[in-house]
C-alpha atoms as a PDB file:
ATOM      1  CA  UNK A   1     -12.148 103.360  65.282  1.00  0.00           C
ATOM      2  CA  UNK A   2     -11.253  99.879  66.553  1.00  0.00           C
ATOM      3  CA  UNK A   3     -11.025  99.101  70.271  1.00  0.00           C
ATOM      4  CA  UNK A   4      -9.629  95.630  70.849  1.00  0.00           C
ATOM      5  CA  UNK A   5      -9.927  95.575  74.615  1.00  0.00           C
ATOM      6  CA  UNK A   6      -7.675  96.775  77.411  1.00  0.00           C
ATOM      7  CA  UNK A   7      -7.200  96.281  81.138  1.00  0.00           C
ATOM      8  CA  UNK A   8     -10.699  97.681  81.748  1.00  0.00           C
ATOM      9  CA  UNK A   9     -12.800  96.091  78.994  1.00  0.00           C
ATOM     10  CA  UNK A  10     -12.546  92.571  77.582  1.00  0.00           C
ATOM     11  CA  UNK A  11     -14.387  93.344  74.359  1.00  0.00           C
ATOM     12  CA  UNK A  12     -13.542  94.185  70.746  1.00  0.00           C
ATOM     13  CA  UNK A  13     -15.460  97.067  69.152  1.00  0.00           C
ATOM     14  CA  UNK A  14     -15.618  99.105  65.979  1.00  0.00           C
ATOM     15  CA  UNK A  15     -16.999 102.569  66.757  1.00  0.00           C
ATOM     16  CA  UNK A  16     -17.807 105.589  64.618  1.00  0.00           C
ATOM     17  CA  UNK A  17     -19.666 108.835  65.193  1.00  0.00           C
ATOM     18  CA  UNK A  18     -20.726 111.887  63.233  1.00  0.00           C
ATOM     19  CA  UNK A  19     -22.764 115.063  63.728  1.00  0.00           C
ATOM     20  CA  UNK A  20     -24.289 117.567  61.299  1.00  0.00           C
ATOM     21  CA  UNK A  21     -26.304 120.753  61.692  1.00  0.00           C
ATOM     22  CA  UNK A  22     -28.764 119.601  59.021  1.00  0.00           C
ATOM     23  CA  UNK A  23     -30.180 121.617  56.146  1.00  0.00           C
ATOM     24  CA  UNK A  24     -32.420 124.003  58.103  1.00  0.00           C
ATOM     25  CA  UNK A  25     -30.690 124.928  61.358  1.00  0.00           C
ATOM     26  CA  UNK A  26     -27.866 127.483  61.323  1.00  0.00           C
ATOM     27  CA  UNK A  27     -26.006 126.025  64.266  1.00  0.00           C
ATOM     28  CA  UNK A  28     -25.504 122.530  65.617  1.00  0.00           C
ATOM     29  CA  UNK A  29     -26.811 122.124  69.165  1.00  0.00           C
ATOM     30  CA  UNK A  30     -25.874 118.423  69.348  1.00  0.00           C
ATOM     31  CA  UNK A  31     -22.790 117.058  71.074  1.00  0.00           C
ATOM     32  CA  UNK A  32     -21.382 113.564  71.453  1.00  0.00           C
ATOM     33  CA  UNK A  33     -18.546 111.692  73.097  1.00  0.00           C
ATOM     34  CA  UNK A  34     -16.923 108.348  72.299  1.00  0.00           C
ATOM     35  CA  UNK A  35     -14.690 106.997  75.059  1.00  0.00           C
ATOM     36  CA  UNK A  36     -13.809 103.646  73.551  1.00  0.00           C
ATOM     37  CA  UNK A  37     -11.217 102.673  76.123  1.00  0.00           C
ATOM     38  CA  UNK A  38     -13.763 103.426  78.838  1.00  0.00           C
ATOM     39  CA  UNK A  39     -16.656 101.752  77.025  1.00  0.00           C
ATOM     40  CA  UNK A  40     -18.830 104.861  77.136  1.00  0.00           C
ATOM     41  CA  UNK A  41     -20.703 106.437  74.212  1.00  0.00           C
ATOM     42  CA  UNK A  42     -23.176 109.302  74.563  1.00  0.00           C
ATOM     43  CA  UNK A  43     -25.119 111.894  72.576  1.00  0.00           C
ATOM     44  CA  UNK A  44     -26.853 115.041  73.783  1.00  0.00           C
ATOM     45  CA  UNK A  45     -29.310 117.309  71.975  1.00  0.00           C
ATOM     46  CA  UNK A  46     -29.315 120.860  73.310  1.00  0.00           C
ATOM     47  CA  UNK A  47     -32.173 123.337  73.267  1.00  0.00           C
ATOM     48  CA  UNK A  48     -32.620 127.016  74.017  1.00  0.00           C
ATOM     49  CA  UNK A  49     -32.324 130.394  72.316  1.00  0.00           C
ATOM     50  CA  UNK A  50     -29.099 131.698  70.860  1.00  0.00           C
ATOM     51  CA  UNK A  51     -26.149 129.471  71.738  1.00  0.00           C
ATOM     52  CA  UNK A  52     -27.834 128.048  74.846  1.00  0.00           C
ATOM     53  CA  UNK A  53     -28.540 124.611  73.385  1.00  0.00           C
ATOM     54  CA  UNK A  54     -25.060 124.174  72.029  1.00  0.00           C
ATOM     55  CA  UNK A  55     -23.568 125.094  75.408  1.00  0.00           C
ATOM     56  CA  UNK A  56     -25.947 122.810  77.318  1.00  0.00           C
ATOM     57  CA  UNK A  57     -25.213 119.700  75.263  1.00  0.00           C
ATOM     58  CA  UNK A  58     -21.474 120.310  75.492  1.00  0.00           C
ATOM     59  CA  UNK A  59     -21.765 120.638  79.269  1.00  0.00           C
ATOM     60  CA  UNK A  60     -23.433 117.221  79.381  1.00  0.00           C
ATOM     61  CA  UNK A  61     -20.829 115.287  77.392  1.00  0.00           C
ATOM     62  CA  UNK A  62     -17.880 117.163  78.926  1.00  0.00           C
ATOM     63  CA  UNK A  63     -19.075 116.300  82.421  1.00  0.00           C
ATOM     64  CA  UNK A  64     -19.445 112.611  81.564  1.00  0.00           C
ATOM     65  CA  UNK A  65     -15.990 112.579  80.004  1.00  0.00           C
ATOM     66  CA  UNK A  66     -14.384 114.317  82.972  1.00  0.00           C
ATOM     67  CA  UNK A  67     -16.000 112.182  85.671  1.00  0.00           C
ATOM     68  CA  UNK A  68     -15.604 108.861  83.886  1.00  0.00           C
ATOM     69  CA  UNK A  69     -11.912 109.400  83.306  1.00  0.00           C
ATOM     70  CA  UNK A  70     -11.484 109.873  87.069  1.00  0.00           C
ATOM     71  CA  UNK A  71     -13.748 106.969  87.954  1.00  0.00           C
ATOM     72  CA  UNK A  72     -12.910 103.680  89.580  1.00  0.00           C
ATOM     73  CA  UNK A  73     -12.895 100.587  87.402  1.00  0.00           C
ATOM     74  CA  UNK A  74     -15.798  98.608  88.872  1.00  0.00           C
ATOM     75  CA  UNK A  75     -19.214  98.645  87.137  1.00  0.00           C
ATOM     76  CA  UNK A  76     -20.995 100.483  89.970  1.00  0.00           C
ATOM     77  CA  UNK A  77     -18.295 103.131  90.321  1.00  0.00           C
ATOM     78  CA  UNK A  78     -18.478 103.809  86.579  1.00  0.00           C
ATOM     79  CA  UNK A  79     -22.265 104.036  86.742  1.00  0.00           C
ATOM     80  CA  UNK A  80     -21.905 106.418  89.688  1.00  0.00           C
ATOM     81  CA  UNK A  81     -19.732 108.671  87.527  1.00  0.00           C
ATOM     82  CA  UNK A  82     -22.395 108.926  84.815  1.00  0.00           C
ATOM     83  CA  UNK A  83     -25.192 109.425  87.340  1.00  0.00           C
ATOM     84  CA  UNK A  84     -23.372 112.197  89.164  1.00  0.00           C
ATOM     85  CA  UNK A  85     -22.301 113.797  85.898  1.00  0.00           C
ATOM     86  CA  UNK A  86     -25.947 113.981  84.813  1.00  0.00           C
ATOM     87  CA  UNK A  87     -27.286 115.389  88.069  1.00  0.00           C
ATOM     88  CA  UNK A  88     -24.485 117.905  88.536  1.00  0.00           C
ATOM     89  CA  UNK A  89     -24.920 119.062  84.933  1.00  0.00           C
ATOM     90  CA  UNK A  90     -28.666 119.387  85.438  1.00  0.00           C
ATOM     91  CA  UNK A  91     -27.941 121.889  88.213  1.00  0.00           C
ATOM     92  CA  UNK A  92     -25.116 123.572  86.281  1.00  0.00           C
ATOM     93  CA  UNK A  93     -27.284 124.159  83.208  1.00  0.00           C
ATOM     94  CA  UNK A  94     -29.997 125.725  85.331  1.00  0.00           C
ATOM     95  CA  UNK A  95     -27.466 127.992  87.016  1.00  0.00           C
ATOM     96  CA  UNK A  96     -25.896 128.970  83.697  1.00  0.00           C
ATOM     97  CA  UNK A  97     -29.328 129.760  82.238  1.00  0.00           C
ATOM     98  CA  UNK A  98     -30.114 132.090  85.150  1.00  0.00           C
ATOM     99  CA  UNK A  99     -26.703 133.774  85.162  1.00  0.00           C
ATOM    100  CA  UNK A 100     -26.827 134.527  81.431  1.00  0.00           C
ATOM    101  CA  UNK A 101     -30.529 135.468  81.311  1.00  0.00           C
ATOM    102  CA  UNK A 102     -31.469 132.763  78.801  1.00  0.00           C
ATOM    103  CA  UNK A 103     -35.209 132.217  78.492  1.00  0.00           C
ATOM    104  CA  UNK A 104     -34.699 128.443  78.509  1.00  0.00           C
ATOM    105  CA  UNK A 105     -31.839 125.993  78.270  1.00  0.00           C
ATOM    106  CA  UNK A 106     -31.645 122.213  78.403  1.00  0.00           C
ATOM    107  CA  UNK A 107     -30.280 119.047  76.858  1.00  0.00           C
ATOM    108  CA  UNK A 108     -31.183 115.395  76.347  1.00  0.00           C
ATOM    109  CA  UNK A 109     -28.916 112.445  77.061  1.00  0.00           C
ATOM    110  CA  UNK A 110     -28.576 108.927  75.676  1.00  0.00           C
ATOM    111  CA  UNK A 111     -25.588 106.987  76.997  1.00  0.00           C
ATOM    112  CA  UNK A 112     -24.347 103.429  76.497  1.00  0.00           C
ATOM    113  CA  UNK A 113     -21.944 102.246  79.221  1.00  0.00           C
ATOM    114  CA  UNK A 114     -20.358  98.827  78.769  1.00  0.00           C
ATOM    115  CA  UNK A 115     -19.795  96.718  81.868  1.00  0.00           C
ATOM    116  CA  UNK A 116     -16.187  96.481  83.024  1.00  0.00           C
ATOM    117  CA  UNK A 117     -16.604  93.052  84.683  1.00  0.00           C
ATOM    118  CA  UNK A 118     -19.073  91.362  82.322  1.00  0.00           C
ATOM    119  CA  UNK A 119     -18.545  92.058  78.587  1.00  0.00           C
ATOM    120  CA  UNK A 120     -21.992  90.624  77.888  1.00  0.00           C
ATOM    121  CA  UNK A 121     -23.728  93.402  79.765  1.00  0.00           C
ATOM    122  CA  UNK A 122     -24.274  97.174  79.455  1.00  0.00           C
ATOM    123  CA  UNK A 123     -26.107  99.945  81.266  1.00  0.00           C
ATOM    124  CA  UNK A 124     -28.148 102.550  79.403  1.00  0.00           C
ATOM    125  CA  UNK A 125     -28.882 106.027  80.713  1.00  0.00           C
ATOM    126  CA  UNK A 126     -31.221 108.508  79.117  1.00  0.00           C
ATOM    127  CA  UNK A 127     -33.311 111.632  79.541  1.00  0.00           C
ATOM    128  CA  UNK A 128     -35.427 113.209  76.809  1.00  0.00           C
ATOM    129  CA  UNK A 129     -35.943 111.848  73.314  1.00  0.00           C
ATOM    130  CA  UNK A 130     -32.450 110.903  72.178  1.00  0.00           C
ATOM    131  CA  UNK A 131     -32.433 107.161  71.622  1.00  0.00           C
ATOM    132  CA  UNK A 132     -30.437 103.941  71.764  1.00  0.00           C
ATOM    133  CA  UNK A 133     -31.222 101.149  69.313  1.00  0.00           C
ATOM    134  CA  UNK A 134     -29.817  97.637  69.032  1.00  0.00           C
ATOM    135  CA  UNK A 135     -29.579  95.736  65.750  1.00  0.00           C
ATOM    136  CA  UNK A 136     -29.422  91.978  66.343  1.00  0.00           C
ATOM    137  CA  UNK A 137     -30.291  89.027  64.117  1.00  0.00           C
ATOM    138  CA  UNK A 138     -31.788  91.373  61.500  1.00  0.00           C
ATOM    139  CA  UNK A 139     -34.110  92.895  64.098  1.00  0.00           C
ATOM    140  CA  UNK A 140     -34.065  96.550  65.144  1.00  0.00           C
ATOM    141  CA  UNK A 141     -35.074  97.250  68.740  1.00  0.00           C
ATOM    142  CA  UNK A 142     -35.524 100.651  70.349  1.00  0.00           C
ATOM    143  CA  UNK A 143     -34.083 100.156  73.832  1.00  0.00           C
ATOM    144  CA  UNK A 144     -34.955 103.540  75.339  1.00  0.00           C
ATOM    145  CA  UNK A 145     -38.400 105.040  75.757  1.00  0.00           C
ATOM    146  CA  UNK A 146     -38.822 108.719  74.877  1.00  0.00           C
ATOM    147  CA  UNK A 147     -39.611 111.140  77.684  1.00  0.00           C
ATOM    148  CA  UNK A 148     -42.277 112.996  75.726  1.00  0.00           C
ATOM    149  CA  UNK A 149     -45.853 114.109  76.233  1.00  0.00           C
ATOM    150  CA  UNK A 150     -47.013 111.441  73.784  1.00  0.00           C
ATOM    151  CA  UNK A 151     -45.310 108.699  75.791  1.00  0.00           C
ATOM    152  CA  UNK A 152     -46.682 110.061  79.074  1.00  0.00           C
ATOM    153  CA  UNK A 153     -50.229 109.996  77.664  1.00  0.00           C
ATOM    154  CA  UNK A 154     -49.628 106.646  75.947  1.00  0.00           C
ATOM    155  CA  UNK A 155     -50.737 107.912  72.537  1.00  0.00           C
ATOM    156  CA  UNK A 156     -49.189 108.131  69.108  1.00  0.00           C
ATOM    157  CA  UNK A 157     -47.433 111.453  68.676  1.00  0.00           C
ATOM    158  CA  UNK A 158     -49.277 112.175  65.426  1.00  0.00           C
ATOM    159  CA  UNK A 159     -52.591 112.054  67.290  1.00  0.00           C
ATOM    160  CA  UNK A 160     -51.614 115.070  69.395  1.00  0.00           C
ATOM    161  CA  UNK A 161     -52.136 118.682  68.294  1.00  0.00           C
ATOM    162  CA  UNK A 162     -49.101 119.865  66.334  1.00  0.00           C
ATOM    163  CA  UNK A 163     -47.946 122.204  69.116  1.00  0.00           C
ATOM    164  CA  UNK A 164     -47.778 119.226  71.527  1.00  0.00           C
ATOM    165  CA  UNK A 165     -45.866 116.895  69.226  1.00  0.00           C
ATOM    166  CA  UNK A 166     -42.280 116.381  70.295  1.00  0.00           C
ATOM    167  CA  UNK A 167     -42.826 118.128  73.645  1.00  0.00           C
ATOM    168  CA  UNK A 168     -40.324 116.753  76.160  1.00  0.00           C
ATOM    169  CA  UNK A 169     -41.287 115.928  79.730  1.00  0.00           C
ATOM    170  CA  UNK A 170     -37.751 115.391  81.033  1.00  0.00           C
ATOM    171  CA  UNK A 171     -34.394 116.938  80.098  1.00  0.00           C
ATOM    172  CA  UNK A 172     -31.271 118.100  81.890  1.00  0.00           C
ATOM    173  CA  UNK A 173     -31.449 121.722  82.988  1.00  0.00           C
ATOM    174  CA  UNK A 174     -35.061 122.727  82.485  1.00  0.00           C
ATOM    175  CA  UNK A 175     -37.196 120.863  85.028  1.00  0.00           C
ATOM    176  CA  UNK A 176     -36.647 120.814  88.773  1.00  0.00           C
ATOM    177  CA  UNK A 177     -37.990 117.248  88.790  1.00  0.00           C
ATOM    178  CA  UNK A 178     -35.344 115.984  86.377  1.00  0.00           C
ATOM    179  CA  UNK A 179     -34.682 112.256  86.564  1.00  0.00           C
ATOM    180  CA  UNK A 180     -32.147 110.000  84.895  1.00  0.00           C
ATOM    181  CA  UNK A 181     -33.564 106.744  83.627  1.00  0.00           C
ATOM    182  CA  UNK A 182     -31.267 103.753  83.957  1.00  0.00           C
ATOM    183  CA  UNK A 183     -31.780 100.300  82.456  1.00  0.00           C
ATOM    184  CA  UNK A 184     -29.673  97.307  81.528  1.00  0.00           C
ATOM    185  CA  UNK A 185     -29.286  95.211  78.410  1.00  0.00           C
ATOM    186  CA  UNK A 186     -27.248  92.237  77.284  1.00  0.00           C
ATOM    187  CA  UNK A 187     -24.448  92.547  74.739  1.00  0.00           C
ATOM    188  CA  UNK A 188     -23.515  89.829  72.233  1.00  0.00           C
ATOM    189  CA  UNK A 189     -21.043  89.378  69.430  1.00  0.00           C
ATOM    190  CA  UNK A 190     -22.571  90.758  66.234  1.00  0.00           C
ATOM    191  CA  UNK A 191     -24.687  93.407  67.959  1.00  0.00           C
ATOM    192  CA  UNK A 192     -24.781  96.909  66.515  1.00  0.00           C
ATOM    193  CA  UNK A 193     -25.823  99.753  68.807  1.00  0.00           C
ATOM    194  CA  UNK A 194     -27.019 103.080  67.408  1.00  0.00           C
ATOM    195  CA  UNK A 195     -27.044 106.073  69.775  1.00  0.00           C
ATOM    196  CA  UNK A 196     -28.669 109.092  68.151  1.00  0.00           C
ATOM    197  CA  UNK A 197     -30.523 112.367  68.506  1.00  0.00           C
ATOM    198  CA  UNK A 198     -34.032 112.820  67.113  1.00  0.00           C
ATOM    199  CA  UNK A 199     -32.605 114.398  63.971  1.00  0.00           C
ATOM    200  CA  UNK A 200     -31.958 110.860  62.774  1.00  0.00           C
ATOM    201  CA  UNK A 201     -35.102 108.893  63.527  1.00  0.00           C
ATOM    202  CA  UNK A 202     -37.559 111.708  62.735  1.00  0.00           C
ATOM    203  CA  UNK A 203     -36.093 111.852  59.234  1.00  0.00           C
ATOM    204  CA  UNK A 204     -35.261 108.192  58.639  1.00  0.00           C
ATOM    205  CA  UNK A 205     -37.866 105.434  58.724  1.00  0.00           C
ATOM    206  CA  UNK A 206     -37.170 102.200  60.590  1.00  0.00           C
ATOM    207  CA  UNK A 207     -37.225 100.360  57.255  1.00  0.00           C
ATOM    208  CA  UNK A 208     -34.455 102.618  55.967  1.00  0.00           C
ATOM    209  CA  UNK A 209     -32.473 102.165  59.183  1.00  0.00           C
ATOM    210  CA  UNK A 210     -32.822  98.407  58.857  1.00  0.00           C
ATOM    211  CA  UNK A 211     -31.666  98.517  55.243  1.00  0.00           C
ATOM    212  CA  UNK A 212     -28.520 100.450  56.159  1.00  0.00           C
ATOM    213  CA  UNK A 213     -27.752  98.389  59.259  1.00  0.00           C
ATOM    214  CA  UNK A 214     -28.169  95.136  57.332  1.00  0.00           C
ATOM    215  CA  UNK A 215     -25.095  96.215  55.354  1.00  0.00           C
ATOM    216  CA  UNK A 216     -23.179  97.679  58.287  1.00  0.00           C
ATOM    217  CA  UNK A 217     -20.862  94.702  58.759  1.00  0.00           C
ATOM    218  CA  UNK A 218     -19.466  95.241  55.263  1.00  0.00           C
ATOM    219  CA  UNK A 219     -18.247  98.766  56.152  1.00  0.00           C
ATOM    220  CA  UNK A 220     -16.511 100.492  59.060  1.00  0.00           C
ATOM    221  CA  UNK A 221     -18.681 101.811  61.883  1.00  0.00           C
ATOM    222  CA  UNK A 222     -17.767 105.366  60.911  1.00  0.00           C
ATOM    223  CA  UNK A 223     -19.090 104.742  57.403  1.00  0.00           C
ATOM    224  CA  UNK A 224     -22.288 103.192  58.763  1.00  0.00           C
ATOM    225  CA  UNK A 225     -22.845 106.294  60.928  1.00  0.00           C
ATOM    226  CA  UNK A 226     -22.287 108.535  57.913  1.00  0.00           C
ATOM    227  CA  UNK A 227     -24.728 106.483  55.815  1.00  0.00           C
ATOM    228  CA  UNK A 228     -27.439 106.865  58.446  1.00  0.00           C
ATOM    229  CA  UNK A 229     -26.789 110.591  58.663  1.00  0.00           C
ATOM    230  CA  UNK A 230     -26.785 110.945  54.876  1.00  0.00           C
ATOM    231  CA  UNK A 231     -30.214 109.312  54.788  1.00  0.00           C
ATOM    232  CA  UNK A 232     -31.499 111.903  57.263  1.00  0.00           C
ATOM    233  CA  UNK A 233     -30.076 114.736  55.183  1.00  0.00           C
ATOM    234  CA  UNK A 234     -31.486 113.382  51.925  1.00  0.00           C
ATOM    235  CA  UNK A 235     -34.893 113.129  53.609  1.00  0.00           C
ATOM    236  CA  UNK A 236     -34.866 116.830  54.422  1.00  0.00           C
ATOM    237  CA  UNK A 237     -32.371 117.261  57.264  1.00  0.00           C
ATOM    238  CA  UNK A 238     -34.851 119.344  59.280  1.00  0.00           C
ATOM    239  CA  UNK A 239     -32.846 119.095  62.495  1.00  0.00           C
ATOM    240  CA  UNK A 240     -29.335 118.594  63.807  1.00  0.00           C
ATOM    241  CA  UNK A 241     -28.396 114.938  63.430  1.00  0.00           C
ATOM    242  CA  UNK A 242     -25.889 113.023  65.538  1.00  0.00           C
ATOM    243  CA  UNK A 243     -25.199 109.300  65.239  1.00  0.00           C
ATOM    244  CA  UNK A 244     -22.839 106.912  67.000  1.00  0.00           C
ATOM    245  CA  UNK A 245     -22.539 103.327  65.749  1.00  0.00           C
ATOM    246  CA  UNK A 246     -20.986 100.679  68.016  1.00  0.00           C
ATOM    247  CA  UNK A 247     -20.303  97.297  66.400  1.00  0.00           C
ATOM    248  CA  UNK A 248     -19.484  94.434  68.766  1.00  0.00           C
ATOM    249  CA  UNK A 249     -16.880  92.202  67.145  1.00  0.00           C
ATOM    250  CA  UNK A 250     -16.147  89.951  70.077  1.00  0.00           C
ATOM    251  CA  UNK A 251     -16.886  89.615  73.787  1.00  0.00           C
ATOM    252  CA  UNK A 252     -14.358  87.991  76.102  1.00  0.00           C
ATOM    253  CA  UNK A 253     -14.533  86.271  79.462  1.00  0.00           C
ATOM    254  CA  UNK A 254     -15.874  87.874  82.627  1.00  0.00           C
ATOM    255  CA  UNK A 255     -13.647  89.307  85.317  1.00  0.00           C
ATOM    256  CA  UNK A 256     -13.839  87.479  88.641  1.00  0.00           C
ATOM    257  CA  UNK A 257     -13.756  90.135  91.388  1.00  0.00           C
ATOM    258  CA  UNK A 258     -12.103  89.598  94.740  1.00  0.00           C
ATOM    259  CA  UNK A 259     -14.191  89.519  97.915  1.00  0.00           C
ATOM    260  CA  UNK A 260     -13.275  93.073  98.895  1.00  0.00           C
ATOM    261  CA  UNK A 261     -14.180  94.287  95.418  1.00  0.00           C
ATOM    262  CA  UNK A 262     -17.617  92.680  95.694  1.00  0.00           C
ATOM    263  CA  UNK A 263     -18.201  94.285  99.076  1.00  0.00           C
ATOM    264  CA  UNK A 264     -17.188  97.689  97.755  1.00  0.00           C
ATOM    265  CA  UNK A 265     -19.371  97.165  94.706  1.00  0.00           C
ATOM    266  CA  UNK A 266     -22.436  96.488  96.835  1.00  0.00           C
ATOM    267  CA  UNK A 267     -21.903  99.667  98.821  1.00  0.00           C
ATOM    268  CA  UNK A 268     -21.569 101.787  95.684  1.00  0.00           C
ATOM    269  CA  UNK A 269     -24.660 100.148  94.166  1.00  0.00           C
ATOM    270  CA  UNK A 270     -26.627 101.232  97.215  1.00  0.00           C
ATOM    271  CA  UNK A 271     -25.294 104.776  96.777  1.00  0.00           C
ATOM    272  CA  UNK A 272     -26.399 104.742  93.154  1.00  0.00           C
ATOM    273  CA  UNK A 273     -29.897 103.635  94.094  1.00  0.00           C
ATOM    274  CA  UNK A 274     -30.073 106.439  96.643  1.00  0.00           C
ATOM    275  CA  UNK A 275     -28.807 108.970  94.084  1.00  0.00           C
ATOM    276  CA  UNK A 276     -31.529 107.979  91.632  1.00  0.00           C
ATOM    277  CA  UNK A 277     -34.424 107.389  94.040  1.00  0.00           C
ATOM    278  CA  UNK A 278     -35.200 111.028  94.844  1.00  0.00           C
ATOM    279  CA  UNK A 279     -36.241 111.954  91.351  1.00  0.00           C
ATOM    280  CA  UNK A 280     -37.386 108.751  89.663  1.00  0.00           C
ATOM    281  CA  UNK A 281     -41.057 109.005  88.664  1.00  0.00           C
ATOM    282  CA  UNK A 282     -43.435 106.832  90.685  1.00  0.00           C
ATOM    283  CA  UNK A 283     -44.282 104.569  87.775  1.00  0.00           C
ATOM    284  CA  UNK A 284     -40.605 103.610  87.381  1.00  0.00           C
ATOM    285  CA  UNK A 285     -40.055 102.640  90.998  1.00  0.00           C
ATOM    286  CA  UNK A 286     -40.650  98.918  90.582  1.00  0.00           C
END
């Protein structure tokens, strides 16, 4: 899927996404959304008994889609849409879980949001252990940090007892102290972003990911996503697997905002900081 820029984004992308239940699970609790014309790409991994996980992850991506399509065009207003989508969905999942007597219900989030004024910039949002990677100059970098017990204790996951491996410390819907982590990264021509659920990276080694991504420019993004997923399935496919690949063909010039737009942007940025400050963990408040 090629996006060659529009009135909102001055960037040329090739984007592809795919999801699969895997070889073990009966149902697929992953969801994803690709809003190329809005420069937003997100995955969500649901969890809970019965259909709870599937419903939770769909609530996450549907909320982002709905709010972003109604958003203003400035970077801060678009970020505000994602932030408010996440927090409102966190509450909605909890309410749905109670109303339908589910024992538990939640979902992760990993979201790449391209900047509408500066095509060389993006904002990342995440909660849980879904990830965003960037492939640049033959180097693979994990941009997000998992919200897991292993990360919280600063130990390798394999060193924990088996029942504590993969335990999440932050997801939408389960914890009252939910927080949305936000960070920024630069974007350059030739970059490849991979947004995925843990069904990919727990099955596919970084060496295998590097091997596939080193050939990604010779195929469409949709094919690259399918190749990564196929590797996960051939390695056992123990979990649902969702992959989005975003290839950056070209970045254009920056938009020069008017004075009133800058003033409005500053006000919305302050709102965003306030929205996030209540639930950010102490160690992230720097």
